[in-house]
PDB file of N, CA and C in Angstrom:
ATOM      1  N   MET A   1     -76.024 -88.954  -0.975  1.00  0.00           N
ATOM      2  CA  MET A   1     -75.598 -89.870  -0.339  1.00  0.00           C
ATOM      3  C   MET A   1     -74.474 -90.359  -0.420  1.00  0.00           C
ATOM      4  N   GLY A   2     -73.383 -90.078   0.371  1.00  0.00           N
ATOM      5  CA  GLY A   2     -72.124 -90.897   0.285  1.00  0.00           C
ATOM      6  C   GLY A   2     -71.550 -90.460  -0.927  1.00  0.00           C
ATOM      7  N   ASP A   3     -71.977 -89.339  -1.071  1.00  0.00           N
ATOM      8  CA  ASP A   3     -71.316 -88.680  -2.857  1.00  0.00           C
ATOM      9  C   ASP A   3     -71.976 -89.282  -3.755  1.00  0.00           C
ATOM     10  N   PHE A   4     -73.038 -90.185  -3.521  1.00  0.00           N
ATOM     11  CA  PHE A   4     -73.733 -91.054  -4.615  1.00  0.00           C
ATOM     12  C   PHE A   4     -74.963 -89.948  -4.783  1.00  0.00           C
ATOM     13  N   GLU A   5     -75.655 -90.214  -6.475  1.00  0.00           N
ATOM     14  CA  GLU A   5     -76.452 -89.090  -6.323  1.00  0.00           C
ATOM     15  C   GLU A   5     -77.656 -89.684  -7.367  1.00  0.00           C
ATOM     16  N   LEU A   6     -78.893 -89.453  -6.717  1.00  0.00           N
ATOM     17  CA  LEU A   6     -79.813 -90.669  -7.524  1.00  0.00           C
ATOM     18  C   LEU A   6     -80.753 -89.394  -8.274  1.00  0.00           C
ATOM     19  N   GLY A   7     -80.671 -89.462  -9.486  1.00  0.00           N
ATOM     20  CA  GLY A   7     -81.959 -88.931 -10.600  1.00  0.00           C
ATOM     21  C   GLY A   7     -83.221 -89.390 -10.438  1.00  0.00           C
ATOM     22  N   LEU A   8     -84.081 -88.552 -10.876  1.00  0.00           N
ATOM     23  CA  LEU A   8     -85.547 -89.378 -11.123  1.00  0.00           C
ATOM     24  C   LEU A   8     -86.194 -88.816 -12.065  1.00  0.00           C
ATOM     25  N   ILE A   9     -86.325 -89.727 -12.957  1.00  0.00           N
ATOM     26  CA  ILE A   9     -87.255 -88.757 -14.471  1.00  0.00           C
ATOM     27  C   ILE A   9     -88.714 -88.583 -14.419  1.00  0.00           C
ATOM     28  N   PRO A  10     -89.192 -87.232 -14.026  1.00  0.00           N
ATOM     29  CA  PRO A  10     -90.488 -87.183 -13.944  1.00  0.00           C
ATOM     30  C   PRO A  10     -91.521 -88.248 -14.847  1.00  0.00           C
ATOM     31  N   ASP A  11     -91.066 -87.719 -16.011  1.00  0.00           N
ATOM     32  CA  ASP A  11     -92.209 -88.392 -16.957  1.00  0.00           C
ATOM     33  C   ASP A  11     -91.645 -90.061 -17.398  1.00  0.00           C
ATOM     34  N   GLY A  12     -90.781 -90.709 -16.423  1.00  0.00           N
ATOM     35  CA  GLY A  12     -90.967 -91.723 -16.757  1.00  0.00           C
ATOM     36  C   GLY A  12     -91.815 -92.853 -17.180  1.00  0.00           C
ATOM     37  N   LYS A  13     -91.335 -94.050 -17.711  1.00  0.00           N
ATOM     38  CA  LYS A  13     -92.334 -95.188 -17.541  1.00  0.00           C
ATOM     39  C   LYS A  13     -92.374 -96.161 -16.464  1.00  0.00           C
ATOM     40  N   ALA A  14     -92.904 -96.340 -15.737  1.00  0.00           N
ATOM     41  CA  ALA A  14     -92.937 -97.537 -14.613  1.00  0.00           C
ATOM     42  C   ALA A  14     -92.456 -98.646 -15.548  1.00  0.00           C
ATOM     43  N   GLY A  15     -91.793 -99.455 -15.058  1.00  0.00           N
ATOM     44  CA  GLY A  15     -91.346-101.164 -15.334  1.00  0.00           C
ATOM     45  C   GLY A  15     -90.403-101.662 -14.801  1.00  0.00           C
ATOM     46  N   ALA A  16     -89.969-102.926 -14.881  1.00  0.00           N
ATOM     47  CA  ALA A  16     -89.034-103.693 -13.770  1.00  0.00           C
ATOM     48  C   ALA A  16     -88.104-104.216 -15.035  1.00  0.00           C
ATOM     49  N   SER A  17     -87.787-103.761 -16.124  1.00  0.00           N
ATOM     50  CA  SER A  17     -87.085-104.511 -16.959  1.00  0.00           C
ATOM     51  C   SER A  17     -85.738-103.544 -17.342  1.00  0.00           C
ATOM     52  N   GLY A  18     -85.626-102.175 -16.707  1.00  0.00           N
ATOM     53  CA  GLY A  18     -84.678-101.207 -17.034  1.00  0.00           C
ATOM     54  C   GLY A  18     -83.396-101.518 -16.213  1.00  0.00           C
ATOM     55  N   PRO A  19     -82.977-100.463 -15.583  1.00  0.00           N
ATOM     56  CA  PRO A  19     -81.651-100.302 -14.717  1.00  0.00           C
ATOM     57  C   PRO A  19     -82.179-100.924 -12.915  1.00  0.00           C
ATOM     58  N   GLN A  20     -81.377-101.629 -12.402  1.00  0.00           N
ATOM     59  CA  GLN A  20     -81.997-102.210 -11.395  1.00  0.00           C
ATOM     60  C   GLN A  20     -81.139-102.150  -9.769  1.00  0.00           C
ATOM     61  N   PRO A  21     -81.347-100.800  -9.552  1.00  0.00           N
ATOM     62  CA  PRO A  21     -80.187-100.333  -8.234  1.00  0.00           C
ATOM     63  C   PRO A  21     -80.834-101.032  -7.276  1.00  0.00           C
ATOM     64  N   LEU A  22     -80.021-101.438  -6.088  1.00  0.00           N
ATOM     65  CA  LEU A  22     -79.990-101.902  -5.177  1.00  0.00           C
ATOM     66  C   LEU A  22     -80.187-101.267  -3.569  1.00  0.00           C
ATOM     67  N   TRP A  23     -80.798-101.237  -2.943  1.00  0.00           N
ATOM     68  CA  TRP A  23     -80.975-100.341  -1.581  1.00  0.00           C
ATOM     69  C   TRP A  23     -80.452-100.815  -0.741  1.00  0.00           C
ATOM     70  N   GLY A  24     -79.476-100.118  -0.268  1.00  0.00           N
ATOM     71  CA  GLY A  24     -78.759-101.006   0.907  1.00  0.00           C
ATOM     72  C   GLY A  24     -79.336-101.001   2.477  1.00  0.00           C
ATOM     73  N   VAL A  25     -79.848-102.155   2.764  1.00  0.00           N
ATOM     74  CA  VAL A  25     -80.303-102.169   4.471  1.00  0.00           C
ATOM     75  C   VAL A  25     -79.326-102.740   5.099  1.00  0.00           C
ATOM     76  N   ALA A  26     -80.043-102.460   6.617  1.00  0.00           N
ATOM     77  CA  ALA A  26     -79.158-103.004   7.450  1.00  0.00           C
ATOM     78  C   ALA A  26     -79.755-104.873   7.668  1.00  0.00           C
ATOM     79  N   ASP A  27     -81.185-104.744   7.323  1.00  0.00           N
ATOM     80  CA  ASP A  27     -81.928-105.963   8.000  1.00  0.00           C
ATOM     81  C   ASP A  27     -82.531-106.347   7.143  1.00  0.00           C
ATOM     82  N   ILE A  28     -82.228-107.212   5.866  1.00  0.00           N
ATOM     83  CA  ILE A  28     -82.965-107.158   4.672  1.00  0.00           C
ATOM     84  C   ILE A  28     -84.409-108.116   5.194  1.00  0.00           C
ATOM     85  N   ASP A  29     -84.532-108.884   5.877  1.00  0.00           N
ATOM     86  CA  ASP A  29     -85.517-109.740   6.079  1.00  0.00           C
ATOM     87  C   ASP A  29     -86.639-108.982   6.807  1.00  0.00           C
ATOM     88  N   THR A  30     -86.464-107.790   7.457  1.00  0.00           N
ATOM     89  CA  THR A  30     -87.379-106.760   7.965  1.00  0.00           C
ATOM     90  C   THR A  30     -87.786-105.784   6.851  1.00  0.00           C
ATOM     91  N   GLU A  31     -87.188-105.522   6.316  1.00  0.00           N
ATOM     92  CA  GLU A  31     -87.319-104.559   4.911  1.00  0.00           C
ATOM     93  C   GLU A  31     -88.192-105.075   3.911  1.00  0.00           C
ATOM     94  N   PHE A  32     -87.664-106.474   3.604  1.00  0.00           N
ATOM     95  CA  PHE A  32     -88.256-107.225   2.290  1.00  0.00           C
ATOM     96  C   PHE A  32     -89.984-107.306   3.037  1.00  0.00           C
ATOM     97  N   SER A  33     -90.318-107.844   4.303  1.00  0.00           N
ATOM     98  CA  SER A  33     -91.226-107.997   5.043  1.00  0.00           C
ATOM     99  C   SER A  33     -92.296-106.659   5.156  1.00  0.00           C
ATOM    100  N   ARG A  34     -91.382-105.701   5.413  1.00  0.00           N
ATOM    101  CA  ARG A  34     -92.280-104.378   5.489  1.00  0.00           C
ATOM    102  C   ARG A  34     -92.510-103.765   4.470  1.00  0.00           C
ATOM    103  N   LEU A  35     -92.169-103.823   2.946  1.00  0.00           N
ATOM    104  CA  LEU A  35     -92.436-103.595   1.503  1.00  0.00           C
ATOM    105  C   LEU A  35     -93.562-104.376   1.430  1.00  0.00           C
ATOM    106  N   ILE A  36     -93.696-105.951   1.344  1.00  0.00           N
ATOM    107  CA  ILE A  36     -94.561-106.554   1.239  1.00  0.00           C
ATOM    108  C   ILE A  36     -95.955-106.409   1.920  1.00  0.00           C
ATOM    109  N   SER A  37     -95.474-106.051   2.983  1.00  0.00           N
ATOM    110  CA  SER A  37     -96.813-105.835   3.656  1.00  0.00           C
ATOM    111  C   SER A  37     -97.323-104.504   3.522  1.00  0.00           C
ATOM    112  N   ILE A  38     -96.725-103.758   2.632  1.00  0.00           N
ATOM    113  CA  ILE A  38     -97.487-102.059   2.535  1.00  0.00           C
ATOM    114  C   ILE A  38     -97.616-102.190   0.831  1.00  0.00           C
ATOM    115  N   GLY A  39     -97.652-103.340   0.231  1.00  0.00           N
ATOM    116  CA  GLY A  39     -98.203-103.591  -1.144  1.00  0.00           C
ATOM    117  C   GLY A  39     -97.174-103.851  -2.103  1.00  0.00           C
ATOM    118  N   ALA A  40     -95.933-103.870  -1.726  1.00  0.00           N
ATOM    119  CA  ALA A  40     -94.935-104.244  -2.829  1.00  0.00           C
ATOM    120  C   ALA A  40     -95.571-105.958  -3.357  1.00  0.00           C
ATOM    121  N   GLU A  41     -95.210-106.614  -4.583  1.00  0.00           N
ATOM    122  CA  GLU A  41     -95.311-108.085  -4.478  1.00  0.00           C
ATOM    123  C   GLU A  41     -93.545-108.576  -5.040  1.00  0.00           C
ATOM    124  N   LYS A  42     -93.622-109.373  -4.259  1.00  0.00           N
ATOM    125  CA  LYS A  42     -92.575-110.091  -4.176  1.00  0.00           C
ATOM    126  C   LYS A  42     -92.001-110.515  -5.905  1.00  0.00           C
ATOM    127  N   ILE A  43     -90.820-110.143  -6.128  1.00  0.00           N
ATOM    128  CA  ILE A  43     -90.177-110.605  -7.320  1.00  0.00           C
ATOM    129  C   ILE A  43     -89.132-111.460  -7.127  1.00  0.00           C
ATOM    130  N   GLU A  44     -88.212-111.383  -6.218  1.00  0.00           N
ATOM    131  CA  GLU A  44     -87.197-112.139  -5.560  1.00  0.00           C
ATOM    132  C   GLU A  44     -87.342-112.292  -4.146  1.00  0.00           C
ATOM    133  N   ALA A  45     -87.256-113.591  -3.643  1.00  0.00           N
ATOM    134  CA  ALA A  45     -87.289-113.960  -2.027  1.00  0.00           C
ATOM    135  C   ALA A  45     -85.844-113.042  -1.832  1.00  0.00           C
ATOM    136  N   VAL A  46     -85.593-113.165  -0.441  1.00  0.00           N
ATOM    137  CA  VAL A  46     -84.070-112.920   0.229  1.00  0.00           C
ATOM    138  C   VAL A  46     -83.171-114.207  -0.084  1.00  0.00           C
ATOM    139  N   THR A  47     -81.987-113.838  -0.732  1.00  0.00           N
ATOM    140  CA  THR A  47     -81.428-114.993  -0.879  1.00  0.00           C
ATOM    141  C   THR A  47     -79.991-114.372  -0.954  1.00  0.00           C
ATOM    142  N   GLU A  48     -78.964-115.609  -0.023  1.00  0.00           N
ATOM    143  CA  GLU A  48     -77.808-115.300  -0.524  1.00  0.00           C
ATOM    144  C   GLU A  48     -76.894-115.450  -1.717  1.00  0.00           C
ATOM    145  N   VAL A  49     -75.977-114.222  -1.626  1.00  0.00           N
ATOM    146  CA  VAL A  49     -75.182-114.576  -3.247  1.00  0.00           C
ATOM    147  C   VAL A  49     -74.152-114.965  -2.975  1.00  0.00           C
ATOM    148  N   GLY A  50     -73.548-114.937  -1.506  1.00  0.00           N
ATOM    149  CA  GLY A  50     -72.047-115.425  -1.477  1.00  0.00           C
ATOM    150  C   GLY A  50     -71.681-114.532  -0.474  1.00  0.00           C
ATOM    151  N   GLU A  51     -70.600-114.752   0.564  1.00  0.00           N
ATOM    152  CA  GLU A  51     -70.025-114.027   1.236  1.00  0.00           C
ATOM    153  C   GLU A  51     -70.530-113.180   2.062  1.00  0.00           C
ATOM    154  N   GLY A  52     -71.911-113.588   2.882  1.00  0.00           N
ATOM    155  CA  GLY A  52     -72.912-113.259   3.629  1.00  0.00           C
ATOM    156  C   GLY A  52     -73.615-111.839   2.784  1.00  0.00           C
ATOM    157  N   ILE A  53     -73.301-111.799   1.661  1.00  0.00           N
ATOM    158  CA  ILE A  53     -74.432-110.791   0.512  1.00  0.00           C
ATOM    159  C   ILE A  53     -75.658-111.550   0.668  1.00  0.00           C
ATOM    160  N   MET A  54     -77.000-110.445   1.237  1.00  0.00           N
ATOM    161  CA  MET A  54     -78.162-110.868   0.592  1.00  0.00           C
ATOM    162  C   MET A  54     -79.013-109.568  -0.185  1.00  0.00           C
ATOM    163  N   VAL A  55     -79.577-110.500  -0.971  1.00  0.00           N
ATOM    164  CA  VAL A  55     -80.652-109.716  -2.215  1.00  0.00           C
ATOM    165  C   VAL A  55     -81.827-110.174  -2.148  1.00  0.00           C
ATOM    166  N   ALA A  56     -82.885-109.409  -2.480  1.00  0.00           N
ATOM    167  CA  ALA A  56     -84.237-109.607  -3.009  1.00  0.00           C
ATOM    168  C   ALA A  56     -84.558-108.408  -3.681  1.00  0.00           C
ATOM    169  N   ALA A  57     -85.654-108.553  -4.379  1.00  0.00           N
ATOM    170  CA  ALA A  57     -86.254-107.692  -5.214  1.00  0.00           C
ATOM    171  C   ALA A  57     -87.941-107.758  -5.087  1.00  0.00           C
ATOM    172  N   VAL A  58     -88.524-106.398  -5.205  1.00  0.00           N
ATOM    173  CA  VAL A  58     -90.240-105.899  -5.031  1.00  0.00           C
ATOM    174  C   VAL A  58     -90.471-105.303  -6.489  1.00  0.00           C
ATOM    175  N   LYS A  59     -91.805-105.513  -6.402  1.00  0.00           N
ATOM    176  CA  LYS A  59     -92.504-104.599  -7.522  1.00  0.00           C
ATOM    177  C   LYS A  59     -93.153-103.723  -6.779  1.00  0.00           C
ATOM    178  N   ASP A  60     -93.048-102.610  -7.028  1.00  0.00           N
ATOM    179  CA  ASP A  60     -94.328-101.528  -6.155  1.00  0.00           C
ATOM    180  C   ASP A  60     -95.114-101.647  -7.075  1.00  0.00           C
ATOM    181  N   PRO A  61     -96.456-100.820  -6.129  1.00  0.00           N
ATOM    182  CA  PRO A  61     -97.447-100.803  -7.078  1.00  0.00           C
ATOM    183  C   PRO A  61     -97.769 -99.963  -8.517  1.00  0.00           C
ATOM    184  N   PHE A  62     -96.757 -99.128  -8.492  1.00  0.00           N
ATOM    185  CA  PHE A  62     -96.702 -98.663  -9.619  1.00  0.00           C
ATOM    186  C   PHE A  62     -96.179 -99.649 -10.921  1.00  0.00           C
ATOM    187  N   GLY A  63     -95.272-100.711 -10.687  1.00  0.00           N
ATOM    188  CA  GLY A  63     -94.677-101.661 -11.586  1.00  0.00           C
ATOM    189  C   GLY A  63     -93.205-101.382 -11.559  1.00  0.00           C
ATOM    190  N   ASN A  64     -92.638-100.603 -10.791  1.00  0.00           N
ATOM    191  CA  ASN A  64     -91.402-100.305 -10.513  1.00  0.00           C
ATOM    192  C   ASN A  64     -90.373-101.350  -9.818  1.00  0.00           C
ATOM    193  N   ARG A  65     -89.349-101.991 -10.117  1.00  0.00           N
ATOM    194  CA  ARG A  65     -88.717-103.095  -9.460  1.00  0.00           C
ATOM    195  C   ARG A  65     -87.626-101.928  -8.424  1.00  0.00           C
ATOM    196  N   LEU A  66     -87.891-102.801  -7.306  1.00  0.00           N
ATOM    197  CA  LEU A  66     -86.799-101.807  -6.010  1.00  0.00           C
ATOM    198  C   LEU A  66     -85.954-103.350  -5.478  1.00  0.00           C
ATOM    199  N   GLY A  67     -84.845-102.966  -5.487  1.00  0.00           N
ATOM    200  CA  GLY A  67     -83.683-104.457  -5.627  1.00  0.00           C
ATOM    201  C   GLY A  67     -83.333-103.794  -3.697  1.00  0.00           C
ATOM    202  N   LEU A  68     -83.037-104.905  -2.708  1.00  0.00           N
ATOM    203  CA  LEU A  68     -82.338-104.538  -1.737  1.00  0.00           C
ATOM    204  C   LEU A  68     -81.573-105.429  -1.571  1.00  0.00           C
ATOM    205  N   ILE A  69     -80.162-104.793  -1.145  1.00  0.00           N
ATOM    206  CA  ILE A  69     -79.068-105.727  -0.704  1.00  0.00           C
ATOM    207  C   ILE A  69     -78.614-105.148   0.876  1.00  0.00           C
ATOM    208  N   GLN A  70     -78.255-106.511   1.350  1.00  0.00           N
ATOM    209  CA  GLN A  70     -77.662-106.066   2.960  1.00  0.00           C
ATOM    210  C   GLN A  70     -76.447-106.581   2.612  1.00  0.00           C
ATOM    211  N   ASN A  71     -75.449-106.042   2.671  1.00  0.00           N
ATOM    212  CA  ASN A  71     -73.447-106.356   2.455  1.00  0.00           C
ATOM    213  C   ASN A  71     -73.182-106.019   3.847  1.00  0.00           C
ATOM    214  N   PRO A  72     -72.689-107.080   4.613  1.00  0.00           N
ATOM    215  CA  PRO A  72     -72.220-106.876   5.432  1.00  0.00           C
ATOM    216  C   PRO A  72     -70.317-106.228   5.555  1.00  0.00           C
ATOM    217  N   HIS A  73     -70.314-106.450   4.461  1.00  0.00           N
ATOM    218  CA  HIS A  73     -68.493-105.851   3.790  1.00  0.00           C
ATOM    219  C   HIS A  73     -68.896-104.485   3.619  1.00  0.00           C
ATOM    220  N   PHE A  74     -69.910-103.798   3.465  1.00  0.00           N
ATOM    221  CA  PHE A  74     -70.003-102.226   3.004  1.00  0.00           C
ATOM    222  C   PHE A  74     -70.077-101.452   4.167  1.00  0.00           C
ATOM    223  N   LYS A  75     -68.970-100.600   4.248  1.00  0.00           N
ATOM    224  CA  LYS A  75     -68.940-100.059   5.513  1.00  0.00           C
ATOM    225  C   LYS A  75     -69.627 -98.300   4.925  1.00  0.00           C
ATOM    226  N   ALA A  76     -70.696 -97.337   5.524  1.00  0.00           N
ATOM    227  CA  ALA A  76     -70.950 -96.337   5.248  1.00  0.00           C
ATOM    228  C   ALA A  76     -69.919 -95.059   5.106  1.00  0.00           C
ATOM    229  N   SER A  77     -69.254 -95.558   6.262  1.00  0.00           N
ATOM    230  CA  SER A  77     -68.716 -94.682   6.756  1.00  0.00           C
ATOM    231  C   SER A  77     -67.428 -94.177   5.994  1.00  0.00           C
ATOM    232  N   GLU A  78     -66.748 -95.402   5.156  1.00  0.00           N
ATOM    233  CA  GLU A  78     -65.900 -95.186   4.434  1.00  0.00           C
ATOM    234  C   GLU A  78     -65.827 -94.761   2.677  1.00  0.00           C
ATOM    235  N   ALA A  79     -67.511 -94.361   2.503  1.00  0.00           N
ATOM    236  CA  ALA A  79     -67.949 -94.083   1.305  1.00  0.00           C
ATOM    237  C   ALA A  79     -67.696 -92.489   1.361  1.00  0.00           C
ATOM    238  N   ARG A  80     -67.238 -92.361   0.216  1.00  0.00           N
ATOM    239  CA  ARG A  80     -66.807 -90.934  -0.302  1.00  0.00           C
ATOM    240  C   ARG A  80     -67.678 -90.260  -1.069  1.00  0.00           C
TER     241      ARG A  80
END
């Protein structure tokens, strides 16, 4: 994705205390609500962290943390 690579460790242990990547979304309120509706648990509510950037986090049913970010300054078309 945009010259970024995500690697998953198949025998890794579930957890929320390790690396905390953020998944870029266009509408964080909608995505946060959708994740909660399908079984995720709220860790951090949607919060503005400055300059219009919004973040949130949930825990999936396996105990993994999933962070969300809505960044109006990020332009996917410019990512290499």
